[in-house]
Amino acid sequence: MKTNKQIQMSESFLNSAVLAVSGGFQDAYTYNVRGEVFSNAQTGNVVLMSQHFLMGDWYKALHYLFPIVAFAFGVLVAEQIGHK
């Protein structure tokens, strides 16, 4: 006997694949075109900043700090707007 199990949209393979491809494209675009920083995913910026700090390249490490701080500030502002 077959049963039709309902699958949530978030569990759909096609949906997951589209989100993964979209995120990868955005990461590649922002890194290659926007000055070698990740404008939409801060994990990459944290990794690259840490790598440069550990290599002793302080100037290049600080290059990644600005997008991280700007992202955090944007989240803070959005949360404050949401609470009002």
C-alpha atoms as a PDB file:
ATOM      1  CA  MET A   1       0.000   0.000   0.000  1.00  0.00           C
ATOM      2  CA  LYS A   2       1.451   3.371  -1.059  1.00  0.00           C
ATOM      3  CA  THR A   3       0.953   6.512   0.927  1.00  0.00           C
ATOM      4  CA  ASN A   4       1.509  10.017  -0.350  1.00  0.00           C
ATOM      5  CA  LYS A   5       3.593  11.743   2.285  1.00  0.00           C
ATOM      6  CA  GLN A   6       3.341  15.507   2.168  1.00  0.00           C
ATOM      7  CA  ILE A   7       6.750  17.144   1.826  1.00  0.00           C
ATOM      8  CA  GLN A   8       7.294  20.639   3.120  1.00  0.00           C
ATOM      9  CA  MET A   9       8.712  23.109   0.622  1.00  0.00           C
ATOM     10  CA  SER A  10      11.817  23.485   2.805  1.00  0.00           C
ATOM     11  CA  GLU A  11      12.499  19.740   2.398  1.00  0.00           C
ATOM     12  CA  SER A  12      12.277  19.794  -1.386  1.00  0.00           C
ATOM     13  CA  PHE A  13      15.514  18.812  -3.165  1.00  0.00           C
ATOM     14  CA  LEU A  14      14.782  21.183  -6.040  1.00  0.00           C
ATOM     15  CA  ASN A  15      14.266  24.093  -3.653  1.00  0.00           C
ATOM     16  CA  SER A  16      17.504  23.250  -1.812  1.00  0.00           C
ATOM     17  CA  ALA A  17      19.424  22.984  -5.090  1.00  0.00           C
ATOM     18  CA  VAL A  18      18.133  26.343  -6.352  1.00  0.00           C
ATOM     19  CA  LEU A  19      19.069  28.034  -3.062  1.00  0.00           C
ATOM     20  CA  ALA A  20      22.560  26.460  -3.103  1.00  0.00           C
ATOM     21  CA  VAL A  21      23.226  27.514  -6.702  1.00  0.00           C
ATOM     22  CA  SER A  22      21.875  31.010  -6.064  1.00  0.00           C
ATOM     23  CA  GLY A  23      23.988  31.454  -2.930  1.00  0.00           C
ATOM     24  CA  GLY A  24      27.086  30.156  -4.703  1.00  0.00           C
ATOM     25  CA  PHE A  25      26.547  32.512  -7.624  1.00  0.00           C
ATOM     26  CA  GLN A  26      26.078  35.488  -5.296  1.00  0.00           C
ATOM     27  CA  ASP A  27      29.228  34.582  -3.365  1.00  0.00           C
ATOM     28  CA  ALA A  28      31.258  34.224  -6.559  1.00  0.00           C
ATOM     29  CA  TYR A  29      29.895  37.479  -7.988  1.00  0.00           C
ATOM     30  CA  THR A  30      30.499  39.581  -4.896  1.00  0.00           C
ATOM     31  CA  TYR A  31      33.974  38.131  -4.306  1.00  0.00           C
ATOM     32  CA  ASN A  32      35.182  38.548  -7.891  1.00  0.00           C
ATOM     33  CA  VAL A  33      33.493  41.836  -8.784  1.00  0.00           C
ATOM     34  CA  ARG A  34      33.241  43.714  -5.477  1.00  0.00           C
ATOM     35  CA  GLY A  35      36.855  43.863  -4.336  1.00  0.00           C
ATOM     36  CA  GLU A  36      37.381  40.314  -3.052  1.00  0.00           C
ATOM     37  CA  VAL A  37      34.932  40.569  -0.164  1.00  0.00           C
ATOM     38  CA  PHE A  38      31.758  38.588   0.370  1.00  0.00           C
ATOM     39  CA  SER A  39      28.932  41.119   0.396  1.00  0.00           C
ATOM     40  CA  ASN A  40      26.132  38.717   1.239  1.00  0.00           C
ATOM     41  CA  ALA A  41      27.726  36.011   3.387  1.00  0.00           C
ATOM     42  CA  GLN A  42      29.841  37.121   6.303  1.00  0.00           C
ATOM     43  CA  THR A  43      31.281  33.669   7.023  1.00  0.00           C
ATOM     44  CA  GLY A  44      33.671  34.020   4.091  1.00  0.00           C
ATOM     45  CA  ASN A  45      34.774  37.454   5.289  1.00  0.00           C
ATOM     46  CA  VAL A  46      35.463  36.130   8.794  1.00  0.00           C
ATOM     47  CA  VAL A  47      37.511  33.229   7.417  1.00  0.00           C
ATOM     48  CA  LEU A  48      39.550  35.452   5.086  1.00  0.00           C
ATOM     49  CA  MET A  49      40.062  38.098   7.782  1.00  0.00           C
ATOM     50  CA  SER A  50      41.271  35.464  10.251  1.00  0.00           C
ATOM     51  CA  GLN A  51      43.587  33.967   7.650  1.00  0.00           C
ATOM     52  CA  HIS A  52      45.217  37.332   6.957  1.00  0.00           C
ATOM     53  CA  PHE A  53      45.503  38.162  10.664  1.00  0.00           C
ATOM     54  CA  LEU A  54      47.272  34.841  11.297  1.00  0.00           C
ATOM     55  CA  MET A  55      49.611  35.433   8.348  1.00  0.00           C
ATOM     56  CA  GLY A  56      50.490  38.843   9.796  1.00  0.00           C
ATOM     57  CA  ASP A  57      48.974  40.782   6.896  1.00  0.00           C
ATOM     58  CA  TRP A  58      47.159  43.313   9.083  1.00  0.00           C
ATOM     59  CA  TYR A  59      46.183  45.740   6.320  1.00  0.00           C
ATOM     60  CA  LYS A  60      44.516  43.032   4.217  1.00  0.00           C
ATOM     61  CA  ALA A  61      42.785  41.635   7.329  1.00  0.00           C
ATOM     62  CA  LEU A  62      41.299  45.048   8.125  1.00  0.00           C
ATOM     63  CA  HIS A  63      39.998  45.143   4.539  1.00  0.00           C
ATOM     64  CA  TYR A  64      37.540  42.387   5.548  1.00  0.00           C
ATOM     65  CA  LEU A  65      36.581  43.976   8.859  1.00  0.00           C
ATOM     66  CA  PHE A  66      34.567  46.845   7.331  1.00  0.00           C
ATOM     67  CA  PRO A  67      31.987  44.614   5.569  1.00  0.00           C
ATOM     68  CA  ILE A  68      31.548  42.565   8.750  1.00  0.00           C
ATOM     69  CA  VAL A  69      30.953  45.660  10.883  1.00  0.00           C
ATOM     70  CA  ALA A  70      28.639  47.177   8.245  1.00  0.00           C
ATOM     71  CA  PHE A  71      26.621  43.941   8.103  1.00  0.00           C
ATOM     72  CA  ALA A  72      26.324  43.807  11.898  1.00  0.00           C
ATOM     73  CA  PHE A  73      25.253  47.462  11.996  1.00  0.00           C
ATOM     74  CA  GLY A  74      22.626  46.784   9.312  1.00  0.00           C
ATOM     75  CA  VAL A  75      21.221  43.874  11.318  1.00  0.00           C
ATOM     76  CA  LEU A  76      21.113  46.049  14.437  1.00  0.00           C
ATOM     77  CA  VAL A  77      19.247  48.826  12.607  1.00  0.00           C
ATOM     78  CA  ALA A  78      16.810  46.357  11.023  1.00  0.00           C
ATOM     79  CA  GLU A  79      16.076  44.814  14.420  1.00  0.00           C
ATOM     80  CA  GLN A  80      15.471  48.237  15.980  1.00  0.00           C
ATOM     81  CA  ILE A  81      13.077  49.151  13.168  1.00  0.00           C
ATOM     82  CA  GLY A  82      11.288  45.829  13.603  1.00  0.00           C
ATOM     83  CA  HIS A  83      10.728  46.433  17.300  1.00  0.00           C
ATOM     84  CA  LYS A  84       9.097  49.836  16.769  1.00  0.00           C
END
